[in-house]
C-alpha atoms as a PDB file:
ATOM      1  CA  MET A   1     -21.409  21.353 -18.222  1.00  0.00           C
ATOM      2  CA  ALA A   2     -19.659  23.779 -20.547  1.00  0.00           C
ATOM      3  CA  ARG A   3     -21.983  26.578 -19.448  1.00  0.00           C
ATOM      4  CA  LEU A   4     -21.226  25.908 -15.774  1.00  0.00           C
ATOM      5  CA  PHE A   5     -17.493  25.853 -16.467  1.00  0.00           C
ATOM      6  CA  GLY A   6     -17.780  29.118 -18.408  1.00  0.00           C
ATOM      7  CA  GLU A   7     -19.664  30.775 -15.559  1.00  0.00           C
ATOM      8  CA  LEU A   8     -17.047  29.646 -13.043  1.00  0.00           C
ATOM      9  CA  LEU A   9     -14.222  30.975 -15.205  1.00  0.00           C
ATOM     10  CA  PHE A  10     -16.059  34.262 -15.664  1.00  0.00           C
ATOM     11  CA  GLU A  11     -16.533  34.677 -11.907  1.00  0.00           C
ATOM     12  CA  LEU A  12     -12.879  33.833 -11.271  1.00  0.00           C
ATOM     13  CA  ALA A  13     -11.687  36.348 -13.856  1.00  0.00           C
ATOM     14  CA  ARG A  14     -14.010  39.040 -12.486  1.00  0.00           C
ATOM     15  CA  SER A  15     -12.769  38.550  -8.921  1.00  0.00           C
ATOM     16  CA  LEU A  16      -9.113  38.594  -9.983  1.00  0.00           C
ATOM     17  CA  ILE A  17      -9.525  41.703 -12.104  1.00  0.00           C
ATOM     18  CA  GLY A  18     -11.549  43.387  -9.359  1.00  0.00           C
ATOM     19  CA  SER A  19      -8.914  42.754  -6.701  1.00  0.00           C
ATOM     20  CA  LEU A  20      -6.104  43.917  -8.983  1.00  0.00           C
ATOM     21  CA  LEU A  21      -8.035  47.044  -9.876  1.00  0.00           C
ATOM     22  CA  GLU A  22      -8.761  47.754  -6.224  1.00  0.00           C
ATOM     23  CA  ARG A  23      -5.060  47.466  -5.345  1.00  0.00           C
ATOM     24  CA  ALA A  24      -4.102  49.745  -8.232  1.00  0.00           C
ATOM     25  CA  VAL A  25      -6.620  52.407  -7.191  1.00  0.00           C
ATOM     26  CA  LEU A  26      -5.470  52.330  -3.565  1.00  0.00           C
ATOM     27  CA  ARG A  27      -1.825  52.555  -4.608  1.00  0.00           C
ATOM     28  CA  ALA A  28      -2.546  55.446  -6.985  1.00  0.00           C
ATOM     29  CA  GLY A  29      -4.523  57.220  -4.255  1.00  0.00           C
ATOM     30  CA  ALA A  30      -1.667  56.900  -1.780  1.00  0.00           C
ATOM     31  CA  TRP A  31       0.794  58.152  -4.393  1.00  0.00           C
ATOM     32  CA  LEU A  32      -1.430  61.109  -5.260  1.00  0.00           C
ATOM     33  CA  ASP A  33      -2.083  61.935  -1.607  1.00  0.00           C
ATOM     34  CA  ALA A  34       1.653  62.254  -0.949  1.00  0.00           C
ATOM     35  CA  ARG A  35       2.063  64.642  -3.899  1.00  0.00           C
ATOM     36  CA  LEU A  36      -0.767  67.090  -3.159  1.00  0.00           C
ATOM     37  CA  PRO A  37       0.322  69.969  -0.923  1.00  0.00           C
ATOM     38  CA  GLY A  38      -2.817  71.391   0.689  1.00  0.00           C
ATOM     39  CA  ARG A  39      -6.202  70.388   1.968  1.00  0.00           C
ATOM     40  CA  ARG A  40      -8.098  72.463  -0.586  1.00  0.00           C
ATOM     41  CA  THR A  41      -6.105  70.940  -3.412  1.00  0.00           C
ATOM     42  CA  ARG A  42      -6.926  67.444  -2.157  1.00  0.00           C
ATOM     43  CA  ILE A  43     -10.623  68.295  -1.966  1.00  0.00           C
ATOM     44  CA  VAL A  44     -10.686  69.736  -5.492  1.00  0.00           C
ATOM     45  CA  VAL A  45      -8.780  66.789  -6.965  1.00  0.00           C
ATOM     46  CA  GLY A  46     -11.019  64.355  -5.079  1.00  0.00           C
ATOM     47  CA  LEU A  47     -14.143  66.047  -6.409  1.00  0.00           C
ATOM     48  CA  LEU A  48     -12.801  65.974  -9.963  1.00  0.00           C
ATOM     49  CA  LEU A  49     -11.896  62.298  -9.682  1.00  0.00           C
ATOM     50  CA  GLY A  50     -15.302  61.536  -8.193  1.00  0.00           C
ATOM     51  CA  ILE A  51     -17.111  63.302 -11.021  1.00  0.00           C
ATOM     52  CA  ALA A  52     -14.987  61.459 -13.583  1.00  0.00           C
ATOM     53  CA  ALA A  53     -15.719  58.119 -11.889  1.00  0.00           C
ATOM     54  CA  TYR A  54     -19.439  58.941 -11.783  1.00  0.00           C
ATOM     55  CA  PHE A  55     -19.497  59.142 -15.569  1.00  0.00           C
ATOM     56  CA  LEU A  56     -16.831  56.572 -16.468  1.00  0.00           C
ATOM     57  CA  ILE A  57     -17.931  53.628 -14.309  1.00  0.00           C
ATOM     58  CA  PRO A  58     -21.345  53.207 -16.033  1.00  0.00           C
ATOM     59  CA  VAL A  59     -19.686  53.518 -19.450  1.00  0.00           C
ATOM     60  CA  LEU A  60     -17.082  50.868 -18.639  1.00  0.00           C
ATOM     61  CA  THR A  61     -19.614  48.477 -17.137  1.00  0.00           C
ATOM     62  CA  GLY A  62     -21.794  48.936 -20.202  1.00  0.00           C
ATOM     63  CA  LEU A  63     -18.897  48.187 -22.521  1.00  0.00           C
ATOM     64  CA  LEU A  64     -17.931  45.100 -20.523  1.00  0.00           C
ATOM     65  CA  GLY A  65     -21.532  43.953 -20.269  1.00  0.00           C
ATOM     66  CA  LEU A  66     -21.511  43.596 -16.486  1.00  0.00           C
END
């Protein structure tokens, strides 16, 4: 029973954190999009953020044990 309750709490926490993180990323993207002047700048910044995410997401999931 305790294991089931723990699993349910873990799933609830993961979904809440995931939705909050998704909102934060979308808000930060909209803020950044308004501040970047040109198309080339947006492409370069997008590529840099994509490369950073490519390396950081596996590290964070490994640290969290997901």
